[in-house]
Amino acid sequence: MPDTDKIPEECHDENGVDLDVMRKISEHPCYNKEAQHKYGRIHLAVAPKCNIQCNYCDRKFDCVNESRPGVTSEVLTPQEALEKTRNVLKDYPFIKVVAVAGPGDPLANDETFETLELIKKEFPDVTLCLSTNGLALPDKIDDLLRVGVSTLTVTLNAIDPEIQAKIVDHIAYKGKSYTGVEAAEILIHNQLEGIKMAVEAGLVVKINTVLIAEINKDHILEVAKKVRELGVFIMNIMPLICQAKFADMEAPSEKQRKDVQAICEPYVQQMRHCRQCRSDAYGLLGKDLSQMSEERRNVIKMESIKKKEHEE
C-alpha cells in the first residue's frame, strides 16, 4: 500500500490511509467491484509498439468486431487522444479514469507520456491509469510519477523463468533481443523490481495474470504469494484467449479460474469482474460505448448529463 509516512497527516483517515488514494480506488471500476456500475474509464490507444512478444498476444488495429486486449479501431496521436477525452468526459461525466493500455506496451511508447501530460494539465482531477508488461517499469517509474499516474496494472504471468520462457517468445531490452530463459529472467527481475518501486512510490498496483492451464495453472499461487510480499492491492486472474502461437490450446474453464482465484484469495484480493477490455474501450465495464451504435450512445449520453445536472 502507499507509503503514508510521506503524506501529510491531515490527508489521512483515522487508519492512516491516504484519502486521495481511497477516493481514486472508490471511483476506479477495475479496483473496486462496487464502482463498476457507477463509474467508467476511457482507454486511449496511443501506444502501438511493444517490447516483448507473448505467445498469446495478437495485436490488431482497425478491428471493430472483437473485444479483447490488444485490439483498437485506430491508433491516436496524443493531441487526438486529448480531443477524444474532452468529448467523452463532456458527454459521459461518470467516466473518472483515463488510461493507456496499448495496443502495445505503453512504456515502450513516448506518446504515452505526452498524452498523459496533456490529460493531467487539462483534467487534473481524473485518475490516470496505465497497464504494462513491466519490462521497462524500473526505468520509467519516475516518468509515471511525473505525469501523475496513480493506479498501475502490471501483467505478471510467472515468477519462475522456466515457466515464463514458455509464455514469452522474446523481449527487446536496451537495444538487444533476448529469448528463452534469459529473456524470462530479465523480464521477471524488472517486473518485480518495478512493482516494488511503484508500491513504495505510492501507486496502487493491480496484477494481471493470464491463466494458461497447460503452463502456469499450478504456479499462480506462488505469484500471489510474491505480490502479497510486494504490497500489491489486487490481482486479476484472466482466462487465456486462445490465439497467436497459443491458438490451438484449450482455454481454461470458469471452474478452473475460480479454483485458482480461491487458493490465491488468502494472499491477495481477487478481481472477479474483469471484461478483458479493448485498447480503445470507454464507458462502464461490460458496456463498451466504442462498440455501441450512435443511437445507443446518445441515449446514454443524455441519461448521464441529466443525472449529473440532478446531482448538482
Protein backbone atom coordinates (compact mmCIF):
# COMPACT_ATOMS: atom_id res chain seq x y z
CA MET A 1 0.00 0.00 0.00
CA PRO A 2 1.08 3.65 -0.33
CA ASP A 3 3.79 4.95 2.00
CA THR A 4 1.61 7.12 4.22
CA ASP A 5 4.64 8.50 6.07
CA LYS A 6 5.22 10.75 3.06
CA ILE A 7 1.68 12.16 3.15
CA PRO A 8 0.60 14.98 5.49
CA GLU A 9 -1.36 13.73 8.49
CA GLU A 10 -4.43 15.78 7.59
CA CYS A 11 -4.70 13.83 4.31
CA HIS A 12 -5.18 10.50 6.14
CA ASP A 13 -8.26 8.86 7.58
CA GLU A 14 -8.25 7.54 11.14
CA ASN A 15 -6.45 4.40 9.97
CA GLY A 16 -3.67 6.36 8.27
CA VAL A 17 -4.85 5.69 4.72
CA ASP A 18 -4.34 8.41 2.12
CA LEU A 19 -7.77 9.90 1.45
CA ASP A 20 -6.98 10.79 -2.17
CA VAL A 21 -5.92 7.19 -2.81
CA MET A 22 -9.14 5.97 -1.19
CA ARG A 23 -11.17 8.24 -3.46
CA LYS A 24 -9.39 7.01 -6.57
CA ILE A 25 -9.93 3.38 -5.61
CA SER A 26 -13.60 4.03 -4.84
CA GLU A 27 -14.09 5.51 -8.34
CA HIS A 28 -11.98 3.00 -10.26
CA PRO A 29 -14.14 0.25 -11.80
CA CYS A 30 -11.23 -2.21 -12.02
CA TYR A 31 -10.02 -1.75 -8.45
CA ASN A 32 -13.42 -1.59 -6.78
CA LYS A 33 -16.19 -4.02 -7.72
CA GLU A 34 -18.85 -1.65 -6.41
CA ALA A 35 -17.64 1.12 -8.73
CA GLN A 36 -18.13 -0.86 -11.96
CA HIS A 37 -21.83 0.00 -12.26
CA LYS A 38 -21.39 3.68 -11.38
CA TYR A 39 -18.06 4.89 -12.75
CA GLY A 40 -16.38 4.33 -16.09
CA ARG A 41 -12.98 4.55 -17.75
CA ILE A 42 -11.60 5.50 -21.12
CA HIS A 43 -8.67 3.73 -22.76
CA LEU A 44 -6.58 5.86 -25.10
CA ALA A 45 -4.92 3.78 -27.83
CA VAL A 46 -1.73 5.81 -28.28
CA ALA A 47 0.87 3.07 -27.73
CA PRO A 48 1.26 0.69 -30.73
CA LYS A 49 4.84 -0.50 -30.11
CA CYS A 50 5.65 -3.36 -27.75
CA ASN A 51 8.95 -4.51 -26.25
CA ILE A 52 8.00 -8.16 -25.73
CA GLN A 53 6.12 -10.78 -27.72
CA CYS A 54 3.87 -13.04 -25.68
CA ASN A 55 2.81 -16.26 -27.31
CA TYR A 56 -0.87 -15.48 -26.64
CA CYS A 57 -0.83 -11.91 -27.95
CA ASP A 58 -2.23 -10.82 -31.31
CA ARG A 59 -2.30 -7.03 -31.64
CA LYS A 60 -4.72 -5.86 -34.32
CA PHE A 61 -5.51 -2.36 -35.48
CA ASP A 62 -8.73 -1.32 -37.21
CA CYS A 63 -10.62 -4.26 -35.77
CA VAL A 64 -14.17 -3.27 -34.86
CA ASN A 65 -15.85 -6.58 -34.08
CA GLU A 66 -13.59 -8.00 -31.39
CA SER A 67 -13.48 -7.12 -27.72
CA ARG A 68 -10.19 -8.15 -26.16
CA PRO A 69 -6.86 -6.62 -25.14
CA GLY A 70 -4.59 -5.54 -27.99
CA VAL A 71 -7.44 -4.52 -30.29
CA THR A 72 -8.26 -0.99 -31.38
CA SER A 73 -10.06 0.63 -34.29
CA GLU A 74 -7.28 3.21 -34.66
CA VAL A 75 -4.09 4.45 -33.05
CA LEU A 76 -4.39 8.04 -31.83
CA THR A 77 -1.82 10.80 -31.62
CA PRO A 78 -1.52 12.48 -28.21
CA GLN A 79 -3.47 15.50 -29.46
CA GLU A 80 -6.21 13.28 -30.89
CA ALA A 81 -6.33 11.43 -27.58
CA LEU A 82 -6.79 14.72 -25.71
CA GLU A 83 -9.60 15.76 -28.03
CA LYS A 84 -11.31 12.39 -27.62
CA THR A 85 -11.00 12.69 -23.85
CA ARG A 86 -12.55 16.17 -23.92
CA ASN A 87 -15.55 14.90 -25.86
CA VAL A 88 -16.02 11.74 -23.83
CA LEU A 89 -15.75 13.39 -20.41
CA LYS A 90 -18.17 16.11 -21.52
CA ASP A 91 -20.74 13.60 -22.79
CA TYR A 92 -20.26 10.93 -20.12
CA PRO A 93 -19.31 12.58 -16.80
CA PHE A 94 -19.48 9.24 -14.98
CA ILE A 95 -16.08 8.42 -16.50
CA LYS A 96 -13.46 9.08 -13.82
CA VAL A 97 -10.43 7.13 -15.07
CA VAL A 98 -8.27 7.88 -18.12
CA ALA A 99 -5.93 5.04 -19.03
CA VAL A 100 -3.38 3.94 -21.60
CA ALA A 101 -3.48 0.18 -22.10
CA GLY A 102 -2.00 -0.39 -25.53
CA PRO A 103 -2.43 -1.80 -28.06
CA GLY A 104 1.30 -2.36 -27.42
CA ASP A 105 3.11 -1.62 -24.18
CA PRO A 106 2.59 1.98 -23.00
CA LEU A 107 6.08 2.22 -21.53
CA ALA A 108 7.62 1.43 -24.92
CA ASN A 109 5.97 4.50 -26.48
CA ASP A 110 6.93 8.13 -25.81
CA GLU A 111 3.45 9.11 -26.93
CA THR A 112 2.10 7.61 -23.69
CA PHE A 113 3.78 10.23 -21.55
CA GLU A 114 2.99 13.08 -23.90
CA THR A 115 -0.66 12.06 -23.82
CA LEU A 116 -0.84 11.75 -20.04
CA GLU A 117 0.82 15.13 -19.58
CA LEU A 118 -1.81 16.73 -21.79
CA ILE A 119 -4.64 14.98 -19.95
CA LYS A 120 -3.37 15.86 -16.48
CA LYS A 121 -2.91 19.52 -17.40
CA GLU A 122 -6.48 19.89 -18.65
CA PHE A 123 -8.22 17.41 -16.33
CA PRO A 124 -6.29 17.47 -13.03
CA ASP A 125 -8.99 15.61 -11.09
CA VAL A 126 -9.17 12.46 -13.21
CA THR A 127 -7.38 9.31 -12.15
CA LEU A 128 -4.59 8.45 -14.58
CA CYS A 129 -4.05 4.73 -15.05
CA LEU A 130 -1.63 2.65 -17.09
CA SER A 131 -1.15 -1.04 -17.95
CA THR A 132 2.25 -2.53 -18.73
CA ASN A 133 4.13 -5.79 -19.08
CA GLY A 134 6.66 -4.31 -16.64
CA LEU A 135 9.85 -4.78 -18.67
CA ALA A 136 10.60 -1.04 -18.73
CA LEU A 137 8.95 -0.24 -15.40
CA PRO A 138 12.10 0.35 -13.30
CA ASP A 139 13.44 2.72 -15.95
CA LYS A 140 10.15 4.58 -16.39
CA ILE A 141 8.85 4.85 -12.81
CA ASP A 142 10.00 8.46 -12.47
CA ASP A 143 8.20 9.36 -15.70
CA LEU A 144 5.00 7.77 -14.40
CA LEU A 145 5.18 9.81 -11.24
CA ARG A 146 5.99 12.96 -13.17
CA VAL A 147 2.88 12.75 -15.35
CA GLY A 148 0.63 11.84 -12.43
CA VAL A 149 -0.18 8.15 -12.86
CA SER A 150 -1.68 6.85 -9.61
CA THR A 151 -3.05 3.40 -10.50
CA LEU A 152 -0.90 0.85 -12.31
CA THR A 153 -1.54 -2.61 -13.75
CA VAL A 154 1.36 -4.98 -14.39
CA THR A 155 0.92 -8.27 -16.25
CA LEU A 156 2.83 -10.92 -14.30
CA ASN A 157 2.25 -14.46 -15.53
CA ALA A 158 5.06 -16.27 -13.72
CA ILE A 159 7.96 -15.72 -11.35
CA ASP A 160 9.75 -18.89 -12.44
CA PRO A 161 11.91 -18.23 -15.55
CA GLU A 162 11.38 -21.77 -16.85
CA ILE A 163 7.62 -21.20 -16.86
CA GLN A 164 7.84 -17.66 -18.16
CA ALA A 165 10.02 -18.83 -21.06
CA LYS A 166 7.07 -20.92 -22.29
CA ILE A 167 4.83 -17.86 -22.35
CA VAL A 168 7.06 -15.15 -23.83
CA ASP A 169 8.68 -15.65 -27.22
CA HIS A 170 11.22 -12.82 -26.95
CA ILE A 171 11.91 -9.42 -25.42
CA ALA A 172 13.67 -6.29 -26.68
CA TYR A 173 15.64 -4.60 -23.90
CA LYS A 174 18.23 -1.84 -24.07
CA GLY A 175 18.91 -2.38 -27.76
CA LYS A 176 19.20 -6.18 -27.63
CA SER A 177 16.83 -9.05 -28.30
CA TYR A 178 16.62 -11.96 -25.84
CA THR A 179 14.82 -15.30 -25.99
CA GLY A 180 14.23 -18.31 -23.77
CA VAL A 181 15.11 -18.41 -20.09
CA GLU A 182 17.47 -15.46 -20.45
CA ALA A 183 14.61 -13.27 -21.66
CA ALA A 184 12.36 -14.59 -18.90
CA GLU A 185 14.92 -13.82 -16.19
CA ILE A 186 15.32 -10.22 -17.34
CA LEU A 187 11.57 -9.73 -17.63
CA ILE A 188 10.74 -11.19 -14.22
CA HIS A 189 13.52 -9.23 -12.50
CA ASN A 190 12.27 -5.97 -13.98
CA GLN A 191 8.63 -6.76 -13.25
CA LEU A 192 9.26 -7.50 -9.57
CA GLU A 193 11.64 -4.58 -9.11
CA GLY A 194 9.24 -2.23 -10.89
CA ILE A 195 6.26 -3.38 -8.81
CA LYS A 196 8.27 -2.84 -5.63
CA MET A 197 9.28 0.65 -6.73
CA ALA A 198 5.72 1.54 -7.73
CA VAL A 199 4.22 0.45 -4.41
CA GLU A 200 6.91 2.28 -2.47
CA ALA A 201 6.19 5.41 -4.52
CA GLY A 202 2.52 5.31 -3.52
CA LEU A 203 0.93 3.89 -6.66
CA VAL A 204 -1.98 1.48 -6.26
CA VAL A 205 -0.92 -1.65 -8.13
CA LYS A 206 -3.04 -4.34 -9.75
CA ILE A 207 -1.55 -7.54 -11.15
CA ASN A 208 -2.96 -9.20 -14.26
CA THR A 209 -2.14 -12.88 -14.58
CA VAL A 210 -3.21 -14.85 -17.64
CA LEU A 211 -4.32 -18.34 -16.64
CA ILE A 212 -2.83 -20.81 -19.14
CA ALA A 213 -3.97 -24.19 -17.87
CA GLU A 214 -1.23 -26.16 -19.63
CA ILE A 215 1.58 -23.92 -18.37
CA ASN A 216 1.03 -21.84 -15.22
CA LYS A 217 -2.15 -23.09 -13.50
CA ASP A 218 -0.27 -24.70 -10.61
CA HIS A 219 2.21 -21.83 -10.37
CA ILE A 220 -0.13 -18.86 -9.96
CA LEU A 221 -0.34 -19.38 -6.19
CA GLU A 222 3.38 -18.60 -6.00
CA VAL A 223 2.75 -15.41 -7.97
CA ALA A 224 0.03 -14.44 -5.49
CA LYS A 225 2.32 -15.05 -2.51
CA LYS A 226 5.04 -12.93 -4.09
CA VAL A 227 2.84 -9.97 -4.94
CA ARG A 228 1.46 -10.00 -1.40
CA GLU A 229 5.03 -9.50 -0.18
CA LEU A 230 5.35 -6.54 -2.53
CA GLY A 231 2.18 -4.83 -1.31
CA VAL A 232 0.02 -5.24 -4.42
CA PHE A 233 -3.58 -4.08 -3.92
CA ILE A 234 -5.49 -6.55 -6.13
CA MET A 235 -4.88 -9.46 -8.52
CA ASN A 236 -6.82 -10.20 -11.71
CA ILE A 237 -6.58 -13.79 -12.97
CA MET A 238 -7.76 -13.74 -16.58
CA PRO A 239 -8.54 -16.75 -18.79
CA LEU A 240 -6.31 -17.34 -21.79
CA ILE A 241 -7.74 -16.15 -25.10
CA CYS A 242 -6.52 -18.84 -27.50
CA GLN A 243 -4.83 -17.02 -30.37
CA ALA A 244 -1.42 -16.39 -31.97
CA LYS A 245 1.00 -19.22 -31.05
CA PHE A 246 -1.46 -20.47 -28.44
CA ALA A 247 -4.35 -20.70 -30.90
CA ASP A 248 -4.54 -24.50 -30.56
CA MET A 249 -4.53 -24.50 -26.76
CA GLU A 250 -7.66 -25.09 -24.73
CA ALA A 251 -8.99 -22.12 -22.78
CA PRO A 252 -9.33 -22.70 -19.04
CA SER A 253 -12.81 -23.42 -17.74
CA GLU A 254 -14.59 -20.98 -15.48
CA LYS A 255 -14.29 -23.57 -12.70
CA GLN A 256 -10.52 -23.74 -13.14
CA ARG A 257 -10.29 -19.96 -12.91
CA LYS A 258 -12.50 -19.82 -9.82
CA ASP A 259 -10.46 -22.59 -8.18
CA VAL A 260 -7.21 -20.67 -8.76
CA GLN A 261 -8.79 -17.45 -7.51
CA ALA A 262 -9.94 -19.24 -4.36
CA ILE A 263 -6.49 -20.52 -3.43
CA CYS A 264 -4.97 -17.09 -4.11
CA GLU A 265 -7.60 -15.11 -2.20
CA PRO A 266 -5.97 -15.57 1.23
CA TYR A 267 -2.85 -13.85 -0.08
CA VAL A 268 -4.19 -11.04 -2.28
CA GLN A 269 -7.61 -9.60 -3.07
CA GLN A 270 -9.07 -11.06 -6.26
CA MET A 271 -10.73 -9.10 -9.06
CA ARG A 272 -13.61 -11.19 -10.41
CA HIS A 273 -15.39 -8.70 -12.67
CA CYS A 274 -12.80 -8.15 -15.42
CA ARG A 275 -14.07 -7.91 -19.01
CA GLN A 276 -10.68 -8.08 -20.80
CA CYS A 277 -11.27 -4.74 -22.49
CA ARG A 278 -10.12 -3.38 -25.84
CA SER A 279 -7.34 -0.81 -26.04
CA ASP A 280 -9.88 1.84 -27.08
CA ALA A 281 -12.75 0.91 -24.75
CA TYR A 282 -14.69 3.56 -22.87
CA GLY A 283 -17.74 3.57 -20.64
CA LEU A 284 -18.71 1.13 -17.91
CA LEU A 285 -17.10 -2.30 -17.68
CA GLY A 286 -19.03 -4.70 -19.86
CA LYS A 287 -20.83 -1.79 -21.57
CA ASP A 288 -18.22 -0.56 -24.01
CA LEU A 289 -19.50 2.57 -25.71
CA SER A 290 -16.98 2.12 -28.53
CA GLN A 291 -18.91 -0.99 -29.57
CA MET A 292 -22.38 0.59 -29.41
CA SER A 293 -24.44 2.28 -32.09
CA GLU A 294 -24.50 6.08 -32.18
CA GLU A 295 -28.18 5.97 -31.22
CA ARG A 296 -27.45 3.94 -28.10
CA ARG A 297 -24.51 6.18 -27.17
CA ASN A 298 -26.74 9.24 -27.46
CA VAL A 299 -29.29 7.71 -25.09
CA ILE A 300 -26.60 7.02 -22.51
CA LYS A 301 -25.16 10.49 -23.06
CA MET A 302 -28.47 12.20 -22.28
CA GLU A 303 -29.08 9.99 -19.25
CA SER A 304 -25.59 10.74 -17.94
CA ILE A 305 -25.90 14.51 -18.40
CA LYS A 306 -29.34 14.60 -16.74
CA LYS A 307 -28.02 12.61 -13.79
CA LYS A 308 -25.09 14.99 -13.35
CA GLU A 309 -27.39 18.04 -13.51
CA HIS A 310 -29.66 16.45 -10.90
CA GLU A 311 -26.73 15.75 -8.57
CA GLU A 312 -25.54 19.35 -8.91
